[in-house]
Protein backbone atom coordinates (compact mmCIF):
# COMPACT_ATOMS: atom_id res chain seq x y z
CA UNK A 1 85.60 28.06 100.31
CA UNK A 2 83.56 30.35 103.17
CA UNK A 3 85.82 32.63 105.37
CA UNK A 4 83.43 33.98 108.20
CA UNK A 5 84.76 36.11 111.17
CA UNK A 6 82.87 35.17 114.68
CA UNK A 7 82.79 37.15 118.10
CA UNK A 8 84.84 35.12 120.43
CA UNK A 9 83.94 34.42 124.11
CA UNK A 10 85.24 33.10 127.14
CA UNK A 11 84.44 29.49 125.94
CA UNK A 12 87.07 30.36 123.02
CA UNK A 13 90.21 30.95 125.23
CA UNK A 14 91.80 27.48 124.69
CA UNK A 15 91.59 28.02 121.24
CA UNK A 16 92.99 31.38 121.29
CA UNK A 17 95.71 30.66 123.48
CA UNK A 18 96.75 27.88 121.12
CA UNK A 19 96.63 30.33 118.27
CA UNK A 20 98.43 32.63 120.13
CA UNK A 21 101.17 30.50 120.95
CA UNK A 22 101.60 29.52 117.32
CA UNK A 23 101.85 33.46 116.67
CA UNK A 24 104.59 33.68 119.53
CA UNK A 25 106.50 30.78 118.20
CA UNK A 26 106.88 32.42 114.60
CA UNK A 27 108.24 35.37 116.03
CA UNK A 28 110.30 33.32 118.49
CA UNK A 29 108.47 34.67 121.68
CA UNK A 30 107.84 32.42 124.57
CA UNK A 31 104.40 32.50 125.85
CA UNK A 32 103.43 32.08 129.50
CA UNK A 33 100.27 30.11 128.99
CA UNK A 34 98.69 31.14 132.32
CA UNK A 35 99.59 34.62 131.60
CA UNK A 36 97.45 34.36 128.05
CA UNK A 37 94.50 32.64 129.61
CA UNK A 38 94.43 35.35 132.14
CA UNK A 39 94.85 38.22 129.69
CA UNK A 40 91.85 36.73 127.70
CA UNK A 41 89.78 36.61 130.90
CA UNK A 42 90.25 40.02 131.35
CA UNK A 43 89.34 41.03 128.28
CA UNK A 44 86.17 39.13 128.03
CA UNK A 45 85.38 40.43 131.85
CA UNK A 46 84.45 43.74 130.51
CA UNK A 47 83.09 44.63 126.82
CA UNK A 48 84.38 47.98 127.38
CA UNK A 49 88.02 46.69 127.25
CA UNK A 50 87.66 45.23 123.58
CA UNK A 51 86.50 42.36 121.82
CA UNK A 52 88.24 39.49 119.66
CA UNK A 53 86.91 37.43 116.64
CA UNK A 54 87.94 34.13 115.46
CA UNK A 55 87.96 33.60 111.80
CA UNK A 56 87.12 30.31 110.20
CA UNK A 57 87.88 28.90 106.72
CA UNK A 58 85.47 25.87 105.80
CA UNK A 59 84.59 25.86 109.63
CA UNK A 60 88.13 25.47 110.96
CA UNK A 61 89.59 28.09 112.92
CA UNK A 62 92.34 29.87 110.58
CA UNK A 63 92.99 33.08 112.88
CA UNK A 64 92.07 35.65 115.34
CA UNK A 65 91.89 39.56 115.84
CA UNK A 66 91.78 41.54 119.23
CA UNK A 67 90.67 44.84 119.39
CA UNK A 68 91.28 46.92 122.75
CA UNK A 69 89.87 50.26 123.51
CA UNK A 70 90.66 53.45 125.58
CA UNK A 71 89.88 57.07 125.61
CA UNK A 72 92.21 59.29 123.67
CA UNK A 73 92.84 63.16 124.20
CA UNK A 74 94.59 63.09 120.88
CA UNK A 75 91.40 62.53 119.05
CA UNK A 76 88.75 63.53 121.63
CA UNK A 77 87.08 60.07 122.09
CA UNK A 78 87.88 56.25 121.67
CA UNK A 79 90.94 54.85 120.16
CA UNK A 80 91.35 51.33 119.46
CA UNK A 81 94.46 49.24 118.90
CA UNK A 82 94.67 46.15 116.50
CA UNK A 83 96.33 44.31 119.85
CA UNK A 84 96.84 41.18 117.89
CA UNK A 85 96.19 39.64 114.32
CA UNK A 86 97.42 36.59 113.48
CA UNK A 87 96.56 34.34 110.71
CA UNK A 88 97.57 30.27 110.49
CA UNK A 89 100.49 30.08 107.66
CA UNK A 90 98.34 27.23 106.06
CA UNK A 91 95.22 29.99 105.48
CA UNK A 92 97.37 33.25 104.56
CA UNK A 93 96.82 34.86 101.22
CA UNK A 94 93.03 33.41 101.23
CA UNK A 95 91.62 36.54 102.76
CA UNK A 96 91.43 35.76 106.37
CA UNK A 97 93.36 39.15 107.49
CA UNK A 98 91.03 41.15 105.63
CA UNK A 99 87.92 39.43 107.16
CA UNK A 100 89.16 39.79 110.68
CA UNK A 101 89.90 43.59 109.86
CA UNK A 102 86.40 43.94 108.42
CA UNK A 103 84.92 42.71 111.44
CA UNK A 104 87.11 44.58 113.73
CA UNK A 105 86.58 48.02 111.65
CA UNK A 106 82.53 47.17 111.52
CA UNK A 107 82.65 47.19 115.43
CA UNK A 108 84.65 50.25 115.71
CA UNK A 109 82.26 52.20 113.72
CA UNK A 110 79.36 50.69 115.57
CA UNK A 111 81.15 52.07 118.74
CA UNK A 112 82.15 55.40 117.13
CA UNK A 113 85.77 54.86 117.41
CA UNK A 114 87.76 57.82 116.38
CA UNK A 115 91.00 55.98 115.45
CA UNK A 116 92.60 52.52 114.91
CA UNK A 117 96.06 51.98 115.44
CA UNK A 118 98.51 48.92 115.02
CA UNK A 119 101.88 48.02 115.40
CA UNK A 120 104.14 46.09 112.82
CA UNK A 121 107.67 45.20 112.37
CA UNK A 122 109.32 47.05 109.78
CA UNK A 123 110.05 44.29 107.68
CA UNK A 124 106.64 42.86 107.49
CA UNK A 125 105.44 43.74 103.93
CA UNK A 126 102.28 41.48 104.10
CA UNK A 127 100.79 43.04 107.42
CA UNK A 128 101.68 46.37 105.96
CA UNK A 129 100.26 45.97 102.55
CA UNK A 130 96.94 44.37 104.36
CA UNK A 131 96.65 47.57 106.84
CA UNK A 132 97.03 49.99 104.07
CA UNK A 133 94.68 48.28 102.06
CA UNK A 134 92.20 48.92 104.37
CA UNK A 135 92.52 52.19 105.13
CA UNK A 136 95.46 52.49 107.56
CA UNK A 137 98.07 54.87 107.05
CA UNK A 138 101.84 54.86 108.18
CA UNK A 139 102.20 57.70 110.75
CA UNK A 140 105.53 59.35 109.76
CA UNK A 141 105.66 61.92 112.49
CA UNK A 142 108.84 61.11 114.22
CA UNK A 143 107.39 60.10 117.36
CA UNK A 144 108.50 57.55 119.79
CA UNK A 145 106.80 55.51 122.26
CA UNK A 146 107.88 55.03 125.70
CA UNK A 147 106.97 52.46 128.20
CA UNK A 148 107.06 52.14 132.19
CA UNK A 149 105.66 48.90 133.51
CA UNK A 150 103.96 49.47 136.60
CA UNK A 151 102.70 46.04 136.99
CA UNK A 152 102.63 42.39 135.67
CA UNK A 153 99.27 42.60 133.65
CA UNK A 154 96.25 41.10 134.46
CA UNK A 155 97.97 39.47 137.48
CA UNK A 156 97.53 42.63 139.14
CA UNK A 157 100.94 42.54 140.91
CA UNK A 158 102.98 45.69 141.02
CA UNK A 159 106.76 45.31 139.96
CA UNK A 160 109.69 44.91 142.66
CA UNK A 161 111.07 48.11 141.52
CA UNK A 162 109.87 51.51 142.32
CA UNK A 163 109.36 54.06 139.46
CA UNK A 164 111.96 56.76 139.39
CA UNK A 165 110.72 59.96 141.07
CA UNK A 166 109.79 62.65 138.53
CA UNK A 167 109.74 65.57 140.68
CA UNK A 168 113.18 66.54 139.40
């Protein structure tokens, strides 16, 4: 059985959103279809933003992986995030995730990315095992992530509330 990763394009957005909806449903999240389309459109609009791969098993779409990029002062260069990695339930334990990660990591090396990060649920043993088998290590440095949303994603709209004044 052949398992191949192929670089996704804007022509794949409907398929990517379909798989993203499966991913979100498994996690009991709702997906705004139009937001997802605009998000993929924005990612594909500029290669500097990152890339997406679809992994096919026997020529059928089995999953996808999303790479996003940014400059990191911590690493002194490009840093990458595995923004999404999803494998359809019928295709799990076949090596689809590894093929997806191999494609993403090869692209990171090509772009001279200095660090790759991913978030996962603490109880997602399969994902943790996959990431560790590919060389990613759990960062246990007691950091916490804080987020202030300044807009509504690709829509480019500002949130109605003004952020707090940080001058104090």
